[in-house]
């Protein structure tokens, strides 16, 4: 009999575990490496800035948002999960609504790229 992992017993424990998971997309890594090799110095995931941009180059007042196809429901590659559909529909719709509002709030040059390579 194989050992099964136990699920956390409280929401607080589950939240702590999930918040410790840090994921960086391949596109984010690629863009970061390219910028760095071209001499641009930047900060990643700047929490003090509106929208928490993936990359911020404060010297030039440039922020870059790199939206993964899943979390921002890319019209080309976004796929709806098969389980817990009600939750995911609401979550992904909120992400899309926030994405539409954010560029109007931020007063800097903005580049938004989907992981698939399409720009908006």
Protein backbone atom coordinates (compact mmCIF):
# COMPACT_ATOMS: atom_id res chain seq x y z
CA UNK A 1 0.00 0.00 0.00
CA UNK A 2 1.43 3.35 -1.07
CA UNK A 3 1.71 6.20 1.39
CA UNK A 4 -0.79 8.93 0.67
CA UNK A 5 0.06 12.52 1.48
CA UNK A 6 -2.15 14.04 4.14
CA UNK A 7 -3.96 17.23 3.34
CA UNK A 8 -3.46 20.15 5.75
CA UNK A 9 -6.05 20.19 8.48
CA UNK A 10 -6.73 23.93 8.60
CA UNK A 11 -7.20 26.68 6.03
CA UNK A 12 -4.35 28.60 7.63
CA UNK A 13 -1.93 25.70 7.13
CA UNK A 14 -3.11 25.21 3.56
CA UNK A 15 -2.74 28.94 2.86
CA UNK A 16 0.80 28.99 4.26
CA UNK A 17 1.82 26.03 2.12
CA UNK A 18 0.30 27.47 -1.06
CA UNK A 19 1.77 30.96 -0.50
CA UNK A 20 5.26 29.45 -0.30
CA UNK A 21 4.99 28.13 -3.86
CA UNK A 22 6.72 30.50 -6.25
CA UNK A 23 6.33 29.93 -9.96
CA UNK A 24 8.14 31.74 -12.74
CA UNK A 25 7.14 31.09 -16.32
CA UNK A 26 9.61 30.28 -19.07
CA UNK A 27 8.71 33.53 -20.81
CA UNK A 28 9.39 35.53 -17.63
CA UNK A 29 12.79 33.89 -17.30
CA UNK A 30 13.59 34.50 -20.97
CA UNK A 31 12.60 38.19 -20.86
CA UNK A 32 14.53 38.73 -17.62
CA UNK A 33 17.69 37.15 -19.03
CA UNK A 34 17.45 39.16 -22.24
CA UNK A 35 16.96 42.45 -20.41
CA UNK A 36 19.84 41.71 -18.04
CA UNK A 37 22.23 40.74 -20.85
CA UNK A 38 21.36 43.95 -22.72
CA UNK A 39 22.33 46.00 -19.67
CA UNK A 40 18.91 46.84 -18.26
CA UNK A 41 18.67 46.60 -14.48
CA UNK A 42 15.25 45.89 -13.08
CA UNK A 43 13.22 44.51 -10.21
CA UNK A 44 10.85 41.57 -10.40
CA UNK A 45 7.37 41.36 -8.87
CA UNK A 46 7.45 44.83 -7.32
CA UNK A 47 4.71 44.72 -4.70
CA UNK A 48 4.76 48.46 -4.01
CA UNK A 49 3.63 49.28 -7.55
CA UNK A 50 0.05 49.18 -8.78
CA UNK A 51 -0.72 45.79 -10.31
CA UNK A 52 2.53 44.18 -9.07
CA UNK A 53 4.34 44.15 -12.43
CA UNK A 54 6.47 41.14 -13.30
CA UNK A 55 9.35 43.43 -14.28
CA UNK A 56 9.88 47.11 -13.43
CA UNK A 57 12.62 49.31 -14.82
CA UNK A 58 12.14 52.40 -12.67
CA UNK A 59 14.95 54.37 -14.34
CA UNK A 60 12.95 54.43 -17.58
CA UNK A 61 9.50 54.30 -15.94
CA UNK A 62 8.70 51.02 -17.69
CA UNK A 63 6.75 48.09 -16.31
CA UNK A 64 6.21 44.74 -18.00
CA UNK A 65 3.37 42.36 -17.26
CA UNK A 66 3.84 38.82 -18.54
CA UNK A 67 0.49 37.08 -18.40
CA UNK A 68 0.45 33.31 -18.47
CA UNK A 69 -2.08 31.72 -20.75
CA UNK A 70 -3.78 29.90 -17.87
CA UNK A 71 -4.17 32.65 -15.24
CA UNK A 72 -5.25 35.33 -17.68
CA UNK A 73 -7.29 32.99 -19.88
CA UNK A 74 -5.49 33.67 -23.15
CA UNK A 75 -8.06 33.63 -25.97
CA UNK A 76 -5.82 31.29 -27.98
CA UNK A 77 -4.46 28.85 -25.37
CA UNK A 78 -6.51 29.39 -22.20
CA UNK A 79 -8.11 26.16 -21.02
CA UNK A 80 -10.75 25.81 -18.35
CA UNK A 81 -9.93 23.25 -15.64
CA UNK A 82 -12.23 20.25 -15.53
CA UNK A 83 -12.76 20.21 -11.78
CA UNK A 84 -14.29 22.87 -9.52
CA UNK A 85 -15.57 24.71 -12.61
CA UNK A 86 -17.66 27.32 -10.74
CA UNK A 87 -14.62 28.48 -8.78
CA UNK A 88 -12.38 28.70 -11.85
CA UNK A 89 -14.93 30.54 -13.99
CA UNK A 90 -15.26 33.23 -11.30
CA UNK A 91 -11.50 33.38 -10.67
CA UNK A 92 -10.49 33.67 -14.32
CA UNK A 93 -13.24 36.22 -15.05
CA UNK A 94 -11.99 38.36 -12.13
CA UNK A 95 -8.46 38.15 -13.55
CA UNK A 96 -9.68 39.27 -16.97
CA UNK A 97 -11.73 42.14 -15.48
CA UNK A 98 -8.71 43.29 -13.45
CA UNK A 99 -6.50 43.07 -16.54
CA UNK A 100 -8.86 45.37 -18.46
CA UNK A 101 -8.87 47.97 -15.65
CA UNK A 102 -5.16 47.94 -14.72
CA UNK A 103 -3.65 49.62 -17.81
CA UNK A 104 -5.93 52.62 -17.27
CA UNK A 105 -4.65 53.07 -13.72
CA UNK A 106 -0.91 52.73 -14.28
CA UNK A 107 0.68 55.90 -15.67
CA UNK A 108 3.78 54.28 -17.15
CA UNK A 109 4.66 52.63 -20.44
CA UNK A 110 3.18 49.18 -20.38
CA UNK A 111 4.03 46.03 -22.25
CA UNK A 112 1.77 43.05 -21.71
CA UNK A 113 2.67 39.75 -23.27
CA UNK A 114 0.92 36.42 -23.11
CA UNK A 115 3.06 33.35 -22.54
CA UNK A 116 1.98 32.17 -25.99
CA UNK A 117 3.69 35.16 -27.57
CA UNK A 118 0.66 37.28 -28.46
CA UNK A 119 0.75 40.91 -27.30
CA UNK A 120 -1.96 43.24 -26.08
